[in-house]
Amino acid sequence: EAFEADDAQALSAAIASAEDVGIHSSSLRNAKRRFRELKDLPHRKTSAEEQLERAAKEGDATVLAAAVVNAETAGVASNLIRHARQRLAEMRQAAQHRKDA
């Protein structure tokens, strides 16, 4: 239950309880891995937001496209991703116009 709720504190308590009673299974290993992911999530999200902003300013469509994918997996706010996608579309359109000219 704590594993599915994305609650790091509850998951940590559940892991400790399982270890206290001697449970050592693949479920416990998975719970520990998920706990590490949840602990790291705020850092990943912040890093992805910063990467997204830098990529949008740089003007490299390939870098921005990768940053959008990273931001999506890190849980960055949808409005930031939507703005980056709009910027990406503008960059691609400008590149197409330059190519056609």
C-alpha atoms as a PDB file:
ATOM      1  CA  GLU A   1       0.000   0.000   0.000  1.00  0.00           C
ATOM      2  CA  ALA A   2       2.759   2.468   0.921  1.00  0.00           C
ATOM      3  CA  PHE A   3       4.636   1.367  -2.193  1.00  0.00           C
ATOM      4  CA  GLU A   4       1.769   2.364  -4.454  1.00  0.00           C
ATOM      5  CA  ALA A   5       0.930   5.609  -2.617  1.00  0.00           C
ATOM      6  CA  ASP A   6       4.232   7.303  -3.487  1.00  0.00           C
ATOM      7  CA  ASP A   7       4.625   8.252   0.178  1.00  0.00           C
ATOM      8  CA  ALA A   8       8.313   8.055   1.087  1.00  0.00           C
ATOM      9  CA  GLN A   9       7.685   8.327   4.826  1.00  0.00           C
ATOM     10  CA  ALA A  10       5.075   5.564   4.869  1.00  0.00           C
ATOM     11  CA  LEU A  11       7.242   3.403   2.644  1.00  0.00           C
ATOM     12  CA  SER A  12      10.239   3.900   4.937  1.00  0.00           C
ATOM     13  CA  ALA A  13       8.153   2.821   7.932  1.00  0.00           C
ATOM     14  CA  ALA A  14       6.873  -0.226   6.063  1.00  0.00           C
ATOM     15  CA  ILE A  15      10.424  -1.212   5.084  1.00  0.00           C
ATOM     16  CA  ALA A  16      11.603  -0.873   8.677  1.00  0.00           C
ATOM     17  CA  SER A  17       8.682  -2.996   9.912  1.00  0.00           C
ATOM     18  CA  ALA A  18       9.394  -5.684   7.340  1.00  0.00           C
ATOM     19  CA  GLU A  19      13.066  -5.772   8.275  1.00  0.00           C
ATOM     20  CA  ASP A  20      12.195  -5.921  11.987  1.00  0.00           C
ATOM     21  CA  VAL A  21      10.222  -9.116  11.457  1.00  0.00           C
ATOM     22  CA  GLY A  22      12.905 -10.620   9.250  1.00  0.00           C
ATOM     23  CA  ILE A  23      11.325 -10.255   5.825  1.00  0.00           C
ATOM     24  CA  HIS A  24      13.927 -10.261   3.055  1.00  0.00           C
ATOM     25  CA  SER A  25      12.237 -10.751  -0.270  1.00  0.00           C
ATOM     26  CA  SER A  26      12.167  -9.309  -3.745  1.00  0.00           C
ATOM     27  CA  SER A  27       9.216  -7.168  -2.629  1.00  0.00           C
ATOM     28  CA  LEU A  28      11.383  -5.625   0.069  1.00  0.00           C
ATOM     29  CA  ARG A  29      14.180  -4.985  -2.429  1.00  0.00           C
ATOM     30  CA  ASN A  30      11.655  -3.353  -4.767  1.00  0.00           C
ATOM     31  CA  ALA A  31      10.320  -1.240  -1.900  1.00  0.00           C
ATOM     32  CA  LYS A  32      13.848  -0.064  -1.045  1.00  0.00           C
ATOM     33  CA  ARG A  33      14.478   0.835  -4.683  1.00  0.00           C
ATOM     34  CA  ARG A  34      11.192   2.751  -4.846  1.00  0.00           C
ATOM     35  CA  PHE A  35      12.081   4.559  -1.612  1.00  0.00           C
ATOM     36  CA  ARG A  36      15.381   5.734  -3.130  1.00  0.00           C
ATOM     37  CA  GLU A  37      13.482   6.937  -6.212  1.00  0.00           C
ATOM     38  CA  LEU A  38      10.971   8.849  -4.078  1.00  0.00           C
ATOM     39  CA  LYS A  39      13.746  10.461  -2.022  1.00  0.00           C
ATOM     40  CA  ASP A  40      15.523  11.556  -5.193  1.00  0.00           C
ATOM     41  CA  LEU A  41      12.384  12.810  -6.954  1.00  0.00           C
ATOM     42  CA  PRO A  42      12.503  16.463  -5.752  1.00  0.00           C
ATOM     43  CA  HIS A  43      16.130  16.769  -6.917  1.00  0.00           C
ATOM     44  CA  ARG A  44      15.367  15.118 -10.269  1.00  0.00           C
ATOM     45  CA  LYS A  45      12.386  17.385 -10.782  1.00  0.00           C
ATOM     46  CA  THR A  46      14.347  20.548 -10.023  1.00  0.00           C
ATOM     47  CA  SER A  47      17.198  19.426 -12.230  1.00  0.00           C
ATOM     48  CA  ALA A  48      14.805  18.611 -15.077  1.00  0.00           C
ATOM     49  CA  GLU A  49      13.123  22.027 -14.744  1.00  0.00           C
ATOM     50  CA  GLU A  50      16.497  23.778 -14.934  1.00  0.00           C
ATOM     51  CA  GLN A  51      17.540  21.668 -17.924  1.00  0.00           C
ATOM     52  CA  LEU A  52      14.259  22.492 -19.658  1.00  0.00           C
ATOM     53  CA  GLU A  53      14.736  26.236 -19.144  1.00  0.00           C
ATOM     54  CA  ARG A  54      18.339  26.156 -20.390  1.00  0.00           C
ATOM     55  CA  ALA A  55      17.421  24.093 -23.428  1.00  0.00           C
ATOM     56  CA  ALA A  56      14.574  26.449 -24.366  1.00  0.00           C
ATOM     57  CA  LYS A  57      16.956  29.419 -24.213  1.00  0.00           C
ATOM     58  CA  GLU A  58      19.788  27.704 -26.121  1.00  0.00           C
ATOM     59  CA  GLY A  59      17.772  27.239 -29.278  1.00  0.00           C
ATOM     60  CA  ASP A  60      18.837  23.664 -30.074  1.00  0.00           C
ATOM     61  CA  ALA A  61      15.725  21.669 -30.942  1.00  0.00           C
ATOM     62  CA  THR A  62      17.394  18.309 -30.322  1.00  0.00           C
ATOM     63  CA  VAL A  63      18.517  19.326 -26.838  1.00  0.00           C
ATOM     64  CA  LEU A  64      15.089  20.772 -26.053  1.00  0.00           C
ATOM     65  CA  ALA A  65      13.298  17.622 -27.250  1.00  0.00           C
ATOM     66  CA  ALA A  66      15.457  15.509 -24.927  1.00  0.00           C
ATOM     67  CA  ALA A  67      14.846  17.935 -22.066  1.00  0.00           C
ATOM     68  CA  VAL A  68      11.076  17.659 -22.599  1.00  0.00           C
ATOM     69  CA  VAL A  69      11.219  13.862 -22.358  1.00  0.00           C
ATOM     70  CA  ASN A  70      13.356  14.091 -19.220  1.00  0.00           C
ATOM     71  CA  ALA A  71      10.972  16.636 -17.692  1.00  0.00           C
ATOM     72  CA  GLU A  72       7.981  14.396 -18.354  1.00  0.00           C
ATOM     73  CA  THR A  73       9.572  11.432 -16.591  1.00  0.00           C
ATOM     74  CA  ALA A  74      10.704  13.622 -13.674  1.00  0.00           C
ATOM     75  CA  GLY A  75       7.215  14.950 -13.032  1.00  0.00           C
ATOM     76  CA  VAL A  76       7.763  18.569 -14.049  1.00  0.00           C
ATOM     77  CA  ALA A  77       4.607  20.690 -14.081  1.00  0.00           C
ATOM     78  CA  SER A  78       2.570  20.267 -17.232  1.00  0.00           C
ATOM     79  CA  ASN A  79       2.421  24.015 -17.940  1.00  0.00           C
ATOM     80  CA  LEU A  80       6.239  24.153 -18.111  1.00  0.00           C
ATOM     81  CA  ILE A  81       6.305  21.162 -20.440  1.00  0.00           C
ATOM     82  CA  ARG A  82       3.559  22.662 -22.585  1.00  0.00           C
ATOM     83  CA  HIS A  83       5.537  25.922 -22.875  1.00  0.00           C
ATOM     84  CA  ALA A  84       8.677  23.982 -23.836  1.00  0.00           C
ATOM     85  CA  ARG A  85       6.747  22.018 -26.473  1.00  0.00           C
ATOM     86  CA  GLN A  86       5.464  25.296 -27.934  1.00  0.00           C
ATOM     87  CA  ARG A  87       9.015  26.646 -28.022  1.00  0.00           C
ATOM     88  CA  LEU A  88      10.162  23.425 -29.682  1.00  0.00           C
ATOM     89  CA  ALA A  89       7.465  23.737 -32.352  1.00  0.00           C
ATOM     90  CA  GLU A  90       8.546  27.349 -32.989  1.00  0.00           C
ATOM     91  CA  MET A  91      12.180  26.278 -33.300  1.00  0.00           C
ATOM     92  CA  ARG A  92      11.316  23.514 -35.743  1.00  0.00           C
ATOM     93  CA  GLN A  93       9.113  25.821 -37.790  1.00  0.00           C
ATOM     94  CA  ALA A  94      11.879  28.449 -37.962  1.00  0.00           C
ATOM     95  CA  ALA A  95      14.355  25.797 -39.044  1.00  0.00           C
ATOM     96  CA  GLN A  96      11.984  24.622 -41.755  1.00  0.00           C
ATOM     97  CA  HIS A  97      11.547  28.204 -43.021  1.00  0.00           C
ATOM     98  CA  ARG A  98      15.325  28.655 -43.175  1.00  0.00           C
ATOM     99  CA  LYS A  99      15.605  25.383 -45.069  1.00  0.00           C
ATOM    100  CA  ASP A 100      12.902  26.398 -47.548  1.00  0.00           C
ATOM    101  CA  ALA A 101      14.399  29.851 -48.136  1.00  0.00           C
END
